[in-house]
Amino acid sequence: AYYPFNGNANDESGNSYHGQLGDNSDNETFPTLTPDRYGNADKAFNFDGNDYIALNKYVTYNSISEITVCAWVLSTNTSNNKFIISFDRSESYRLALNDDVNGNPYVGWDTTDSNGTTTNDLGSPASYEDGNWHHICGWYKSSTTTVDKKIFVDGEDIEATVNNSHSGRNLGTDDRTKHYGFIGWGSEASSFDGNGNVHGDDFMIGKIDDVRIYSRALSNDEI
């Protein structure tokens, strides 16, 4: 999926995993268009702590052998868990800022594999909530028994890695038949925009642009 946020939340990958602004009814739940990192008007979304994009895309059990999830983000808020994109770690994966799992206050890349009990929470050693745009990626490849999971920041450095985090297993638990995702909020949704009040305090506060989900593990050079 590819969400360039060119005035809307459409998926421009050709797969039609389109996003919906908030609950599609209450404007208070809608992120607002904002200039992107180049200053182009209405080419990114600003999230004010009560906004989200519901994705017409889901993850199923044992379905992710490898993946790369990337986004451009900007934030100055350091007090909230801020989920960039989530199919939730208890279901498959999430990429977040100020992710406080296991005491990590920085970039978090949290994944759970198909056995349903092995969750790995990888965190960056530094914060990027400094008011600048940053390119953040989470990466996983089940067939690699050495470094199988990475966080990249700004395309140049591998910010964090872990070895054999899921013992070669695919991501995606059987907690639900379908695990739908959100941009800008934490998801434990079993239906499109079906989150209810779960993750009530984990909204993004800041800007997000150019969200990409690849069904393969990109090379370092590609990232």
C-alpha atoms as a PDB file:
ATOM      1  CA  ALA A   1       0.000   0.000   0.000  1.00  0.00           C
ATOM      2  CA  TYR A   2       1.118   3.583  -0.662  1.00  0.00           C
ATOM      3  CA  TYR A   3      -0.474   6.630   0.961  1.00  0.00           C
ATOM      4  CA  PRO A   4       1.167   9.798  -0.472  1.00  0.00           C
ATOM      5  CA  PHE A   5      -1.641  11.958   0.990  1.00  0.00           C
ATOM      6  CA  ASN A   6      -2.085  13.971  -2.197  1.00  0.00           C
ATOM      7  CA  GLY A   7      -5.122  15.783  -0.838  1.00  0.00           C
ATOM      8  CA  ASN A   8      -6.759  12.558   0.360  1.00  0.00           C
ATOM      9  CA  ALA A   9      -6.060   9.217   2.064  1.00  0.00           C
ATOM     10  CA  ASN A  10      -6.209   7.043  -1.045  1.00  0.00           C
ATOM     11  CA  ASP A  11      -3.900   4.095  -1.625  1.00  0.00           C
ATOM     12  CA  GLU A  12      -2.014   4.844  -4.847  1.00  0.00           C
ATOM     13  CA  SER A  13      -0.286   1.453  -5.083  1.00  0.00           C
ATOM     14  CA  GLY A  14      -3.060   0.164  -7.337  1.00  0.00           C
ATOM     15  CA  ASN A  15      -4.335  -2.238  -4.664  1.00  0.00           C
ATOM     16  CA  SER A  16      -7.187   0.038  -3.481  1.00  0.00           C
ATOM     17  CA  TYR A  17      -6.491  -0.245   0.263  1.00  0.00           C
ATOM     18  CA  HIS A  18      -7.963   3.231   0.649  1.00  0.00           C
ATOM     19  CA  GLY A  19      -8.055   5.122   3.925  1.00  0.00           C
ATOM     20  CA  GLN A  20     -11.037   6.830   5.537  1.00  0.00           C
ATOM     21  CA  LEU A  21     -10.633  10.070   7.467  1.00  0.00           C
ATOM     22  CA  GLY A  22     -11.666   9.361  11.052  1.00  0.00           C
ATOM     23  CA  ASP A  23     -15.103   7.861  11.492  1.00  0.00           C
ATOM     24  CA  ASN A  24     -16.253   9.460   8.212  1.00  0.00           C
ATOM     25  CA  SER A  25     -18.812  11.492  10.178  1.00  0.00           C
ATOM     26  CA  ASP A  26     -17.361  13.613  12.984  1.00  0.00           C
ATOM     27  CA  ASN A  27     -14.906  16.220  11.678  1.00  0.00           C
ATOM     28  CA  GLU A  28     -13.200  16.211  15.069  1.00  0.00           C
ATOM     29  CA  THR A  29     -11.777  12.784  14.179  1.00  0.00           C
ATOM     30  CA  PHE A  30     -10.425  13.902  10.793  1.00  0.00           C
ATOM     31  CA  PRO A  31      -6.732  14.754  10.349  1.00  0.00           C
ATOM     32  CA  THR A  32      -6.285  18.001   8.429  1.00  0.00           C
ATOM     33  CA  LEU A  33      -4.269  18.606   5.295  1.00  0.00           C
ATOM     34  CA  THR A  34      -0.990  20.439   5.837  1.00  0.00           C
ATOM     35  CA  PRO A  35       2.155  21.287   3.825  1.00  0.00           C
ATOM     36  CA  ASP A  36       4.587  18.416   3.283  1.00  0.00           C
ATOM     37  CA  ARG A  37       8.333  18.445   3.961  1.00  0.00           C
ATOM     38  CA  TYR A  38       8.909  20.372   0.722  1.00  0.00           C
ATOM     39  CA  GLY A  39       6.354  23.044   1.613  1.00  0.00           C
ATOM     40  CA  ASN A  40       3.774  21.818  -0.908  1.00  0.00           C
ATOM     41  CA  ALA A  41       0.294  22.734   0.335  1.00  0.00           C
ATOM     42  CA  ASP A  42      -2.187  19.991   1.280  1.00  0.00           C
ATOM     43  CA  LYS A  43       0.253  17.120   0.668  1.00  0.00           C
ATOM     44  CA  ALA A  44       0.498  15.696   4.211  1.00  0.00           C
ATOM     45  CA  PHE A  45      -1.829  15.237   7.175  1.00  0.00           C
ATOM     46  CA  ASN A  46      -1.674  16.857  10.604  1.00  0.00           C
ATOM     47  CA  PHE A  47      -2.956  14.814  13.548  1.00  0.00           C
ATOM     48  CA  ASP A  48      -3.948  16.781  16.662  1.00  0.00           C
ATOM     49  CA  GLY A  49      -4.334  13.954  19.171  1.00  0.00           C
ATOM     50  CA  ASN A  50      -7.872  12.868  18.320  1.00  0.00           C
ATOM     51  CA  ASP A  51      -7.547  12.058  14.619  1.00  0.00           C
ATOM     52  CA  TYR A  52      -6.926   8.905  12.657  1.00  0.00           C
ATOM     53  CA  ILE A  53      -7.190   7.259   9.256  1.00  0.00           C
ATOM     54  CA  ALA A  54      -8.952   3.890   9.136  1.00  0.00           C
ATOM     55  CA  LEU A  55      -7.459   1.574   6.508  1.00  0.00           C
ATOM     56  CA  ASN A  56      -9.459  -0.748   4.325  1.00  0.00           C
ATOM     57  CA  LYS A  57      -6.617  -3.213   4.718  1.00  0.00           C
ATOM     58  CA  TYR A  58      -6.124  -6.083   7.131  1.00  0.00           C
ATOM     59  CA  VAL A  59      -3.600  -8.701   8.222  1.00  0.00           C
ATOM     60  CA  THR A  60      -4.458 -12.381   8.659  1.00  0.00           C
ATOM     61  CA  TYR A  61      -2.928 -15.198  10.666  1.00  0.00           C
ATOM     62  CA  ASN A  62       0.619 -16.303   9.763  1.00  0.00           C
ATOM     63  CA  SER A  63       0.624 -14.082   6.673  1.00  0.00           C
ATOM     64  CA  ILE A  64       3.739 -11.898   6.888  1.00  0.00           C
ATOM     65  CA  SER A  65       7.040 -13.568   6.104  1.00  0.00           C
ATOM     66  CA  GLU A  66       8.720 -10.243   5.394  1.00  0.00           C
ATOM     67  CA  ILE A  67       7.700  -6.592   5.408  1.00  0.00           C
ATOM     68  CA  THR A  68       8.969  -3.018   5.305  1.00  0.00           C
ATOM     69  CA  VAL A  69       6.819  -0.187   6.697  1.00  0.00           C
ATOM     70  CA  CYS A  70       7.966   3.417   6.159  1.00  0.00           C
ATOM     71  CA  ALA A  71       6.610   6.912   6.780  1.00  0.00           C
ATOM     72  CA  TRP A  72       7.742  10.513   7.000  1.00  0.00           C
ATOM     73  CA  VAL A  73       6.802  11.992  10.378  1.00  0.00           C
ATOM     74  CA  LEU A  74       7.168  15.266  12.283  1.00  0.00           C
ATOM     75  CA  SER A  75       6.346  15.817  15.941  1.00  0.00           C
ATOM     76  CA  THR A  76       7.377  17.926  18.917  1.00  0.00           C
ATOM     77  CA  ASN A  77       5.220  16.063  21.436  1.00  0.00           C
ATOM     78  CA  THR A  78       7.133  13.802  23.824  1.00  0.00           C
ATOM     79  CA  SER A  79       4.380  12.981  26.313  1.00  0.00           C
ATOM     80  CA  ASN A  80       2.125  10.585  24.382  1.00  0.00           C
ATOM     81  CA  ASN A  81       2.465   7.202  22.742  1.00  0.00           C
ATOM     82  CA  LYS A  82       2.053   8.197  19.102  1.00  0.00           C
ATOM     83  CA  PHE A  83       1.232   5.365  16.726  1.00  0.00           C
ATOM     84  CA  ILE A  84       2.261   6.076  13.139  1.00  0.00           C
ATOM     85  CA  ILE A  85       0.709   2.949  11.653  1.00  0.00           C
ATOM     86  CA  SER A  86      -0.709   0.029  13.545  1.00  0.00           C
ATOM     87  CA  PHE A  87      -2.131  -3.404  12.999  1.00  0.00           C
ATOM     88  CA  ASP A  88      -1.150  -3.691  16.648  1.00  0.00           C
ATOM     89  CA  ARG A  89       1.702  -5.673  18.099  1.00  0.00           C
ATOM     90  CA  SER A  90      -0.780  -8.081  19.672  1.00  0.00           C
ATOM     91  CA  GLU A  91      -1.939  -8.935  16.168  1.00  0.00           C
ATOM     92  CA  SER A  92       0.943  -8.257  13.796  1.00  0.00           C
ATOM     93  CA  TYR A  93       2.890  -4.981  13.936  1.00  0.00           C
ATOM     94  CA  ARG A  94       3.006  -1.309  14.768  1.00  0.00           C
ATOM     95  CA  LEU A  95       5.421   1.575  14.152  1.00  0.00           C
ATOM     96  CA  ALA A  96       5.320   4.361  16.731  1.00  0.00           C
ATOM     97  CA  LEU A  97       6.936   7.424  18.281  1.00  0.00           C
ATOM     98  CA  ASN A  98       7.428   7.665  22.043  1.00  0.00           C
ATOM     99  CA  ASP A  99       6.523   3.999  22.265  1.00  0.00           C
ATOM    100  CA  ASP A 100       6.800   3.285  25.986  1.00  0.00           C
ATOM    101  CA  VAL A 101       6.675  -0.509  25.767  1.00  0.00           C
ATOM    102  CA  ASN A 102       9.384  -1.991  27.995  1.00  0.00           C
ATOM    103  CA  GLY A 103      10.504   1.490  28.978  1.00  0.00           C
ATOM    104  CA  ASN A 104      11.460   2.582  25.453  1.00  0.00           C
ATOM    105  CA  PRO A 105      10.429   6.236  25.015  1.00  0.00           C
ATOM    106  CA  TYR A 106      11.546   6.571  21.409  1.00  0.00           C
ATOM    107  CA  VAL A 107      10.821   4.969  18.016  1.00  0.00           C
ATOM    108  CA  GLY A 108       9.142   1.602  18.487  1.00  0.00           C
ATOM    109  CA  TRP A 109       8.787  -1.271  16.013  1.00  0.00           C
ATOM    110  CA  ASP A 110       6.676  -3.899  17.766  1.00  0.00           C
ATOM    111  CA  THR A 111       5.777  -7.251  16.217  1.00  0.00           C
ATOM    112  CA  THR A 112       4.018 -10.480  17.200  1.00  0.00           C
ATOM    113  CA  ASP A 113       4.411 -13.764  15.347  1.00  0.00           C
ATOM    114  CA  SER A 114       2.086 -16.616  14.503  1.00  0.00           C
ATOM    115  CA  ASN A 115       2.510 -18.537  17.747  1.00  0.00           C
ATOM    116  CA  GLY A 116       0.614 -15.695  19.407  1.00  0.00           C
ATOM    117  CA  THR A 117       2.827 -15.465  22.467  1.00  0.00           C
ATOM    118  CA  THR A 118       6.120 -14.120  21.134  1.00  0.00           C
ATOM    119  CA  THR A 119       6.098 -10.331  20.911  1.00  0.00           C
ATOM    120  CA  ASN A 120       9.293  -8.422  20.196  1.00  0.00           C
ATOM    121  CA  ASP A 121       9.419  -4.706  21.018  1.00  0.00           C
ATOM    122  CA  LEU A 122      12.386  -3.077  19.305  1.00  0.00           C
ATOM    123  CA  GLY A 123      13.224   0.525  20.225  1.00  0.00           C
ATOM    124  CA  SER A 124      15.562   3.204  18.945  1.00  0.00           C
ATOM    125  CA  PRO A 125      18.242   4.687  21.221  1.00  0.00           C
ATOM    126  CA  ALA A 126      17.252   8.269  20.369  1.00  0.00           C
ATOM    127  CA  SER A 127      14.169  10.455  20.083  1.00  0.00           C
ATOM    128  CA  TYR A 128      13.140  12.170  16.857  1.00  0.00           C
ATOM    129  CA  GLU A 129      10.344  14.377  18.202  1.00  0.00           C
ATOM    130  CA  ASP A 130      12.338  17.513  17.444  1.00  0.00           C
ATOM    131  CA  GLY A 131      10.079  19.412  15.028  1.00  0.00           C
ATOM    132  CA  ASN A 132      11.889  18.126  11.943  1.00  0.00           C
ATOM    133  CA  TRP A 133      10.691  15.690   9.317  1.00  0.00           C
ATOM    134  CA  HIS A 134      12.179  12.208   9.737  1.00  0.00           C
ATOM    135  CA  HIS A 135      11.918   9.113   7.560  1.00  0.00           C
ATOM    136  CA  ILE A 136      11.234   6.096   9.786  1.00  0.00           C
ATOM    137  CA  CYS A 137      11.050   2.450   8.705  1.00  0.00           C
ATOM    138  CA  GLY A 138      10.367  -0.865  10.409  1.00  0.00           C
ATOM    139  CA  TRP A 139      11.776  -3.974   8.700  1.00  0.00           C
ATOM    140  CA  TYR A 140      11.295  -7.708   9.243  1.00  0.00           C
ATOM    141  CA  LYS A 141      12.416 -10.866   7.395  1.00  0.00           C
ATOM    142  CA  SER A 142      11.521 -14.220   8.901  1.00  0.00           C
ATOM    143  CA  SER A 143      13.991 -16.260   6.848  1.00  0.00           C
ATOM    144  CA  THR A 144      16.988 -14.449   8.353  1.00  0.00           C
ATOM    145  CA  THR A 145      18.171 -16.077  11.564  1.00  0.00           C
ATOM    146  CA  THR A 146      20.775 -13.402  12.315  1.00  0.00           C
ATOM    147  CA  VAL A 147      19.483  -9.820  12.107  1.00  0.00           C
ATOM    148  CA  ASP A 148      15.829 -10.346  11.198  1.00  0.00           C
ATOM    149  CA  LYS A 149      14.388  -7.055  12.446  1.00  0.00           C
ATOM    150  CA  LYS A 150      15.548  -3.430  12.062  1.00  0.00           C
ATOM    151  CA  ILE A 151      14.564   0.194  12.578  1.00  0.00           C
ATOM    152  CA  PHE A 152      15.862   2.732  10.057  1.00  0.00           C
ATOM    153  CA  VAL A 153      15.807   6.503  10.560  1.00  0.00           C
ATOM    154  CA  ASP A 154      16.468   9.022   7.765  1.00  0.00           C
ATOM    155  CA  GLY A 155      17.636   6.400   5.296  1.00  0.00           C
ATOM    156  CA  GLU A 156      21.268   6.457   6.321  1.00  0.00           C
ATOM    157  CA  ASP A 157      21.637   4.605   9.596  1.00  0.00           C
ATOM    158  CA  ILE A 158      20.260   1.371  10.945  1.00  0.00           C
ATOM    159  CA  GLU A 159      18.993   2.719  14.237  1.00  0.00           C
ATOM    160  CA  ALA A 160      18.300  -0.582  15.999  1.00  0.00           C
ATOM    161  CA  THR A 161      18.474  -4.311  15.241  1.00  0.00           C
ATOM    162  CA  VAL A 162      17.709  -7.647  16.866  1.00  0.00           C
ATOM    163  CA  ASN A 163      18.730 -11.218  16.033  1.00  0.00           C
ATOM    164  CA  ASN A 164      16.251 -14.060  15.506  1.00  0.00           C
ATOM    165  CA  SER A 165      13.412 -12.141  17.128  1.00  0.00           C
ATOM    166  CA  HIS A 166      10.706 -14.593  16.057  1.00  0.00           C
ATOM    167  CA  SER A 167      12.645 -17.818  15.436  1.00  0.00           C
ATOM    168  CA  GLY A 168      11.803 -17.787  11.741  1.00  0.00           C
ATOM    169  CA  ARG A 169       8.039 -17.506  12.222  1.00  0.00           C
ATOM    170  CA  ASN A 170       5.718 -15.298  10.190  1.00  0.00           C
ATOM    171  CA  LEU A 171       3.968 -12.315  11.748  1.00  0.00           C
ATOM    172  CA  GLY A 172       0.199 -12.270  12.279  1.00  0.00           C
ATOM    173  CA  THR A 173      -1.619 -13.930  15.168  1.00  0.00           C
ATOM    174  CA  ASP A 174      -4.950 -15.748  15.272  1.00  0.00           C
ATOM    175  CA  ASP A 175      -6.451 -13.330  17.816  1.00  0.00           C
ATOM    176  CA  ARG A 176      -8.913 -12.305  15.101  1.00  0.00           C
ATOM    177  CA  THR A 177      -9.733 -13.566  11.626  1.00  0.00           C
ATOM    178  CA  LYS A 178      -8.887 -10.149  10.189  1.00  0.00           C
ATOM    179  CA  HIS A 179      -6.794  -7.424  11.821  1.00  0.00           C
ATOM    180  CA  TYR A 180      -7.607  -4.025  10.290  1.00  0.00           C
ATOM    181  CA  GLY A 181      -5.145  -1.152  10.506  1.00  0.00           C
ATOM    182  CA  PHE A 182      -5.032   2.545  11.311  1.00  0.00           C
ATOM    183  CA  ILE A 183      -2.700   5.415  10.531  1.00  0.00           C
ATOM    184  CA  GLY A 184      -2.297   7.750  13.481  1.00  0.00           C
ATOM    185  CA  TRP A 185      -3.849   5.483  16.127  1.00  0.00           C
ATOM    186  CA  GLY A 186      -3.429   2.066  17.717  1.00  0.00           C
ATOM    187  CA  SER A 187      -5.555  -0.693  16.255  1.00  0.00           C
ATOM    188  CA  GLU A 188      -7.082  -3.849  17.592  1.00  0.00           C
ATOM    189  CA  ALA A 189      -9.867  -3.746  15.023  1.00  0.00           C
ATOM    190  CA  SER A 190     -11.526  -6.902  13.700  1.00  0.00           C
ATOM    191  CA  SER A 191     -13.541  -4.894  11.158  1.00  0.00           C
ATOM    192  CA  PHE A 192     -12.963  -1.774   9.079  1.00  0.00           C
ATOM    193  CA  ASP A 193     -12.887   1.241  11.447  1.00  0.00           C
ATOM    194  CA  GLY A 194     -14.000  -1.105  14.215  1.00  0.00           C
ATOM    195  CA  ASN A 195     -11.606  -0.097  16.964  1.00  0.00           C
ATOM    196  CA  GLY A 196     -14.070   1.235  19.529  1.00  0.00           C
ATOM    197  CA  ASN A 197     -12.282   2.878  22.452  1.00  0.00           C
ATOM    198  CA  VAL A 198      -9.164   0.689  22.448  1.00  0.00           C
ATOM    199  CA  HIS A 199      -5.878   2.639  22.577  1.00  0.00           C
ATOM    200  CA  GLY A 200      -7.713   5.793  23.628  1.00  0.00           C
ATOM    201  CA  ASP A 201      -4.506   7.669  24.495  1.00  0.00           C
ATOM    202  CA  ASP A 202      -2.298   6.544  21.610  1.00  0.00           C
ATOM    203  CA  PHE A 203      -3.188   9.063  18.914  1.00  0.00           C
ATOM    204  CA  MET A 204      -0.527  10.702  16.774  1.00  0.00           C
ATOM    205  CA  ILE A 205       0.250  14.328  17.622  1.00  0.00           C
ATOM    206  CA  GLY A 206       2.136  15.744  14.657  1.00  0.00           C
ATOM    207  CA  LYS A 207       2.356  15.235  10.912  1.00  0.00           C
ATOM    208  CA  ILE A 208       2.529  12.095   8.779  1.00  0.00           C
ATOM    209  CA  ASP A 209       3.242  11.767   5.060  1.00  0.00           C
ATOM    210  CA  ASP A 210       4.124   9.154   2.421  1.00  0.00           C
ATOM    211  CA  VAL A 211       3.212   5.969   4.278  1.00  0.00           C
ATOM    212  CA  ARG A 212       4.390   2.857   2.433  1.00  0.00           C
ATOM    213  CA  ILE A 213       3.846  -0.814   3.237  1.00  0.00           C
ATOM    214  CA  TYR A 214       5.987  -3.244   1.236  1.00  0.00           C
ATOM    215  CA  SER A 215       5.340  -6.986   1.186  1.00  0.00           C
ATOM    216  CA  ARG A 216       9.080  -7.634   1.119  1.00  0.00           C
ATOM    217  CA  ALA A 217      12.167  -6.728   3.094  1.00  0.00           C
ATOM    218  CA  LEU A 218      13.760  -3.829   1.213  1.00  0.00           C
ATOM    219  CA  SER A 219      17.511  -3.697   0.948  1.00  0.00           C
ATOM    220  CA  ASN A 220      19.426  -1.095   2.936  1.00  0.00           C
ATOM    221  CA  ASP A 221      20.134   0.784  -0.285  1.00  0.00           C
ATOM    222  CA  GLU A 222      16.456   0.823  -1.251  1.00  0.00           C
ATOM    223  CA  ILE A 223      15.501   2.313   2.120  1.00  0.00           C
END
